[in-house]
């Protein structure tokens, strides 16, 4: 039971960091002053997405883990820009 909770938490955190890396490769990102290069951001996001799917696959079946990974990335990528824009004001430098 504890092991499944640990893998769920690790997978969710890896999914969050994968979404952040994907977000930071965009030219419209507001988190850092300069955007990440495409190879670093997309490559790191892909590796973290794979880690997310592996963590979820330890808990549930592979197909369900892949579906859960995709849904989690979609949710993080939808709410991440909104959350960052609420935290950072317009007058603040990127």
N, C-alpha and C. Protein backbone atom coordinates (compact mmCIF):
# COMPACT_ATOMS: atom_id res chain seq x y z
N UNK A 1 0.82 -1.20 0.00
CA UNK A 1 0.00 0.00 0.00
C UNK A 1 0.86 1.25 0.00
N UNK A 2 1.87 1.28 0.84
CA UNK A 2 2.74 2.45 0.90
C UNK A 2 3.53 2.58 -0.39
N UNK A 3 3.93 1.45 -0.96
CA UNK A 3 4.70 1.49 -2.19
C UNK A 3 3.87 2.07 -3.34
N UNK A 4 2.59 1.74 -3.41
CA UNK A 4 1.75 2.29 -4.47
C UNK A 4 1.55 3.78 -4.29
N UNK A 5 1.41 4.24 -3.05
CA UNK A 5 1.29 5.67 -2.79
C UNK A 5 2.58 6.40 -3.18
N UNK A 6 3.71 5.78 -2.91
CA UNK A 6 4.99 6.38 -3.26
C UNK A 6 5.13 6.51 -4.78
N UNK A 7 4.79 5.46 -5.53
CA UNK A 7 4.90 5.52 -6.98
C UNK A 7 3.90 6.51 -7.58
N UNK A 8 2.73 6.63 -6.97
CA UNK A 8 1.75 7.61 -7.43
C UNK A 8 2.28 9.02 -7.22
N UNK A 9 2.87 9.29 -6.07
CA UNK A 9 3.43 10.61 -5.78
C UNK A 9 4.62 10.91 -6.69
N UNK A 10 5.51 9.94 -6.87
CA UNK A 10 6.67 10.15 -7.74
C UNK A 10 6.25 10.38 -9.19
N UNK A 11 5.28 9.62 -9.65
CA UNK A 11 4.78 9.80 -11.01
C UNK A 11 4.12 11.16 -11.21
N UNK A 12 3.37 11.60 -10.23
CA UNK A 12 2.72 12.91 -10.34
C UNK A 12 3.74 14.04 -10.33
N UNK A 13 4.75 13.94 -9.50
CA UNK A 13 5.79 14.97 -9.44
C UNK A 13 6.62 14.96 -10.73
N UNK A 14 6.93 13.78 -11.24
CA UNK A 14 7.66 13.70 -12.51
C UNK A 14 6.83 14.28 -13.65
N UNK A 15 5.52 14.06 -13.62
CA UNK A 15 4.64 14.65 -14.63
C UNK A 15 4.59 16.16 -14.53
N UNK A 16 4.61 16.69 -13.31
CA UNK A 16 4.64 18.14 -13.13
C UNK A 16 5.93 18.73 -13.70
N UNK A 17 7.07 18.12 -13.39
CA UNK A 17 8.34 18.63 -13.89
C UNK A 17 8.46 18.46 -15.41
N UNK A 18 7.88 17.40 -15.96
CA UNK A 18 7.86 17.24 -17.42
C UNK A 18 7.05 18.36 -18.06
N UNK A 19 5.91 18.68 -17.48
CA UNK A 19 5.09 19.77 -18.00
C UNK A 19 5.81 21.10 -17.90
N UNK A 20 6.52 21.32 -16.82
CA UNK A 20 7.28 22.57 -16.67
C UNK A 20 8.36 22.66 -17.73
N UNK A 21 9.03 21.54 -18.01
CA UNK A 21 10.07 21.56 -19.03
C UNK A 21 9.48 21.81 -20.42
N UNK A 22 8.35 21.19 -20.72
CA UNK A 22 7.69 21.45 -22.00
C UNK A 22 7.25 22.92 -22.09
N UNK A 23 6.72 23.45 -21.00
CA UNK A 23 6.26 24.84 -20.97
C UNK A 23 7.41 25.81 -21.16
N UNK A 24 8.54 25.53 -20.57
CA UNK A 24 9.68 26.45 -20.62
C UNK A 24 10.37 26.48 -21.99
N UNK A 25 10.04 25.58 -22.90
CA UNK A 25 10.59 25.64 -24.25
C UNK A 25 9.81 26.60 -25.14
N UNK A 26 8.64 27.02 -24.70
CA UNK A 26 7.81 27.92 -25.49
C UNK A 26 8.38 29.34 -25.44
N UNK A 27 8.20 30.06 -26.54
CA UNK A 27 8.66 31.45 -26.55
C UNK A 27 7.74 32.35 -25.72
N UNK A 28 6.54 31.89 -25.41
CA UNK A 28 5.58 32.67 -24.63
C UNK A 28 5.64 32.39 -23.13
N UNK A 29 6.59 31.57 -22.69
CA UNK A 29 6.67 31.22 -21.27
C UNK A 29 7.04 32.43 -20.44
N UNK A 30 6.55 32.47 -19.20
CA UNK A 30 6.81 33.60 -18.31
C UNK A 30 7.51 33.17 -17.02
N UNK A 31 8.05 31.97 -16.99
CA UNK A 31 8.67 31.48 -15.78
C UNK A 31 10.11 31.95 -15.64
N UNK A 32 10.88 31.88 -16.71
CA UNK A 32 12.29 32.28 -16.71
C UNK A 32 12.50 33.46 -17.65
N UNK A 33 13.65 34.11 -17.56
CA UNK A 33 13.94 35.23 -18.45
C UNK A 33 14.20 34.75 -19.87
N UNK A 34 14.84 33.59 -20.02
CA UNK A 34 15.07 33.02 -21.34
C UNK A 34 14.45 31.63 -21.39
N UNK A 35 13.98 31.27 -22.57
CA UNK A 35 13.37 29.95 -22.71
C UNK A 35 14.46 28.88 -22.81
N UNK A 36 14.08 27.66 -22.46
CA UNK A 36 15.00 26.53 -22.60
C UNK A 36 15.17 26.19 -24.07
N UNK A 37 16.33 25.65 -24.41
CA UNK A 37 16.51 25.20 -25.79
C UNK A 37 15.58 24.00 -26.04
N UNK A 38 15.25 23.82 -27.30
CA UNK A 38 14.30 22.77 -27.65
C UNK A 38 14.77 21.38 -27.30
N UNK A 39 16.07 21.11 -27.52
CA UNK A 39 16.56 19.76 -27.26
C UNK A 39 16.59 19.45 -25.77
N UNK A 40 16.94 20.42 -24.96
CA UNK A 40 16.99 20.20 -23.51
C UNK A 40 15.58 20.11 -22.94
N UNK A 41 14.72 21.03 -23.31
CA UNK A 41 13.37 21.06 -22.76
C UNK A 41 12.52 19.88 -23.19
N UNK A 42 12.50 19.63 -24.49
CA UNK A 42 11.68 18.53 -25.00
C UNK A 42 12.29 17.18 -24.63
N UNK A 43 13.62 17.08 -24.69
CA UNK A 43 14.28 15.82 -24.31
C UNK A 43 14.09 15.50 -22.84
N UNK A 44 14.27 16.50 -21.99
CA UNK A 44 14.06 16.28 -20.56
C UNK A 44 12.61 16.00 -20.23
N UNK A 45 11.70 16.70 -20.92
CA UNK A 45 10.28 16.44 -20.72
C UNK A 45 9.88 15.04 -21.15
N UNK A 46 10.47 14.57 -22.25
CA UNK A 46 10.17 13.21 -22.72
C UNK A 46 10.70 12.16 -21.74
N UNK A 47 11.89 12.39 -21.21
CA UNK A 47 12.45 11.44 -20.23
C UNK A 47 11.60 11.42 -18.97
N UNK A 48 11.18 12.59 -18.49
CA UNK A 48 10.34 12.63 -17.30
C UNK A 48 8.95 12.05 -17.57
N UNK A 49 8.45 12.20 -18.79
CA UNK A 49 7.17 11.58 -19.14
C UNK A 49 7.30 10.06 -19.12
N UNK A 50 8.41 9.56 -19.61
CA UNK A 50 8.66 8.11 -19.55
C UNK A 50 8.76 7.63 -18.10
N UNK A 51 9.42 8.41 -17.26
CA UNK A 51 9.50 8.07 -15.83
C UNK A 51 8.11 8.07 -15.18
N UNK A 52 7.28 9.02 -15.58
CA UNK A 52 5.90 9.06 -15.07
C UNK A 52 5.14 7.80 -15.46
N UNK A 53 5.26 7.41 -16.72
CA UNK A 53 4.56 6.21 -17.19
C UNK A 53 5.08 4.96 -16.49
N UNK A 54 6.38 4.89 -16.24
CA UNK A 54 6.94 3.72 -15.55
C UNK A 54 6.47 3.67 -14.10
N UNK A 55 6.43 4.82 -13.44
CA UNK A 55 5.93 4.84 -12.05
C UNK A 55 4.47 4.40 -11.98
N UNK A 56 3.66 4.88 -12.92
CA UNK A 56 2.25 4.50 -12.92
C UNK A 56 2.07 3.04 -13.32
N UNK A 57 2.96 2.52 -14.17
CA UNK A 57 2.85 1.12 -14.61
C UNK A 57 3.14 0.15 -13.47
N UNK A 58 3.88 0.60 -12.44
CA UNK A 58 4.11 -0.26 -11.27
C UNK A 58 2.83 -0.45 -10.46
N UNK A 59 1.92 0.49 -10.59
CA UNK A 59 0.69 0.45 -9.80
C UNK A 59 -0.44 -0.22 -10.56
N UNK A 60 -0.60 0.16 -11.84
CA UNK A 60 -1.73 -0.29 -12.64
C UNK A 60 -1.22 -0.88 -13.96
N UNK A 61 -2.12 -1.29 -14.83
CA UNK A 61 -1.71 -1.88 -16.10
C UNK A 61 -1.06 -0.82 -16.99
N UNK A 62 -0.34 -1.27 -18.00
CA UNK A 62 0.43 -0.38 -18.85
C UNK A 62 -0.46 0.58 -19.64
N UNK A 63 -1.54 0.07 -20.19
CA UNK A 63 -2.44 0.92 -20.99
C UNK A 63 -3.07 1.99 -20.10
N UNK A 64 -3.51 1.62 -18.93
CA UNK A 64 -4.08 2.58 -18.01
C UNK A 64 -3.04 3.58 -17.54
N UNK A 65 -1.81 3.14 -17.35
CA UNK A 65 -0.73 4.04 -16.95
C UNK A 65 -0.43 5.05 -18.05
N UNK A 66 -0.42 4.62 -19.30
CA UNK A 66 -0.19 5.55 -20.40
C UNK A 66 -1.32 6.56 -20.52
N UNK A 67 -2.54 6.09 -20.38
CA UNK A 67 -3.69 7.01 -20.41
C UNK A 67 -3.61 8.00 -19.27
N UNK A 68 -3.28 7.53 -18.09
CA UNK A 68 -3.18 8.41 -16.92
C UNK A 68 -2.05 9.43 -17.11
N UNK A 69 -0.96 9.03 -17.73
CA UNK A 69 0.16 9.94 -17.99
C UNK A 69 -0.26 11.04 -18.95
N UNK A 70 -0.95 10.68 -20.02
CA UNK A 70 -1.38 11.66 -21.00
C UNK A 70 -2.38 12.64 -20.37
N UNK A 71 -3.31 12.14 -19.61
CA UNK A 71 -4.30 13.01 -18.97
C UNK A 71 -3.62 13.93 -17.95
N UNK A 72 -2.68 13.41 -17.20
CA UNK A 72 -1.97 14.23 -16.22
C UNK A 72 -1.16 15.34 -16.90
N UNK A 73 -0.50 15.01 -18.00
CA UNK A 73 0.25 16.04 -18.74
C UNK A 73 -0.69 17.09 -19.32
N UNK A 74 -1.83 16.66 -19.83
CA UNK A 74 -2.79 17.63 -20.36
C UNK A 74 -3.29 18.56 -19.28
N UNK A 75 -3.58 18.03 -18.11
CA UNK A 75 -4.05 18.87 -17.01
C UNK A 75 -2.99 19.86 -16.56
N UNK A 76 -1.75 19.36 -16.36
CA UNK A 76 -0.67 20.26 -15.93
C UNK A 76 -0.42 21.33 -16.98
N UNK A 77 -0.41 20.96 -18.27
CA UNK A 77 -0.12 21.95 -19.30
C UNK A 77 -1.26 22.94 -19.50
N UNK A 78 -2.46 22.58 -19.09
CA UNK A 78 -3.57 23.54 -19.14
C UNK A 78 -3.52 24.53 -17.99
N UNK A 79 -3.22 24.04 -16.80
CA UNK A 79 -3.27 24.91 -15.62
C UNK A 79 -1.96 25.60 -15.28
N UNK A 80 -0.85 25.14 -15.83
CA UNK A 80 0.45 25.74 -15.53
C UNK A 80 0.55 27.19 -16.01
N UNK A 81 0.21 27.53 -17.25
CA UNK A 81 0.29 28.94 -17.66
C UNK A 81 -0.64 29.85 -16.87
N UNK A 82 -1.82 29.35 -16.57
CA UNK A 82 -2.77 30.15 -15.79
C UNK A 82 -2.23 30.41 -14.39
N UNK A 83 -1.69 29.38 -13.76
CA UNK A 83 -1.13 29.54 -12.42
C UNK A 83 0.06 30.48 -12.39
N UNK A 84 0.92 30.39 -13.40
CA UNK A 84 2.08 31.27 -13.45
C UNK A 84 1.65 32.71 -13.69
N UNK A 85 0.67 32.92 -14.55
CA UNK A 85 0.22 34.28 -14.81
C UNK A 85 -0.49 34.89 -13.59
N UNK A 86 -1.12 34.06 -12.77
CA UNK A 86 -1.73 34.58 -11.55
C UNK A 86 -0.69 34.94 -10.50
N UNK A 87 0.39 34.18 -10.46
CA UNK A 87 1.44 34.44 -9.47
C UNK A 87 2.30 35.63 -9.86
N UNK A 88 2.66 35.71 -11.13
CA UNK A 88 3.50 36.80 -11.60
C UNK A 88 2.62 37.92 -12.13
N UNK A 89 2.89 39.13 -11.68
CA UNK A 89 2.10 40.27 -12.14
C UNK A 89 2.59 40.72 -13.51
N UNK A 90 1.80 41.57 -14.16
CA UNK A 90 2.16 42.05 -15.50
C UNK A 90 3.37 42.95 -15.48
N UNK A 91 3.52 43.76 -14.47
CA UNK A 91 4.64 44.69 -14.42
C UNK A 91 5.95 44.05 -14.08
N UNK A 92 5.91 42.86 -13.56
CA UNK A 92 7.13 42.16 -13.14
C UNK A 92 7.90 41.67 -14.36
N UNK A 93 9.21 41.78 -14.31
CA UNK A 93 10.06 41.31 -15.41
C UNK A 93 10.01 39.80 -15.48
N UNK A 94 10.10 39.28 -16.71
CA UNK A 94 10.12 37.83 -16.89
C UNK A 94 11.41 37.26 -16.42
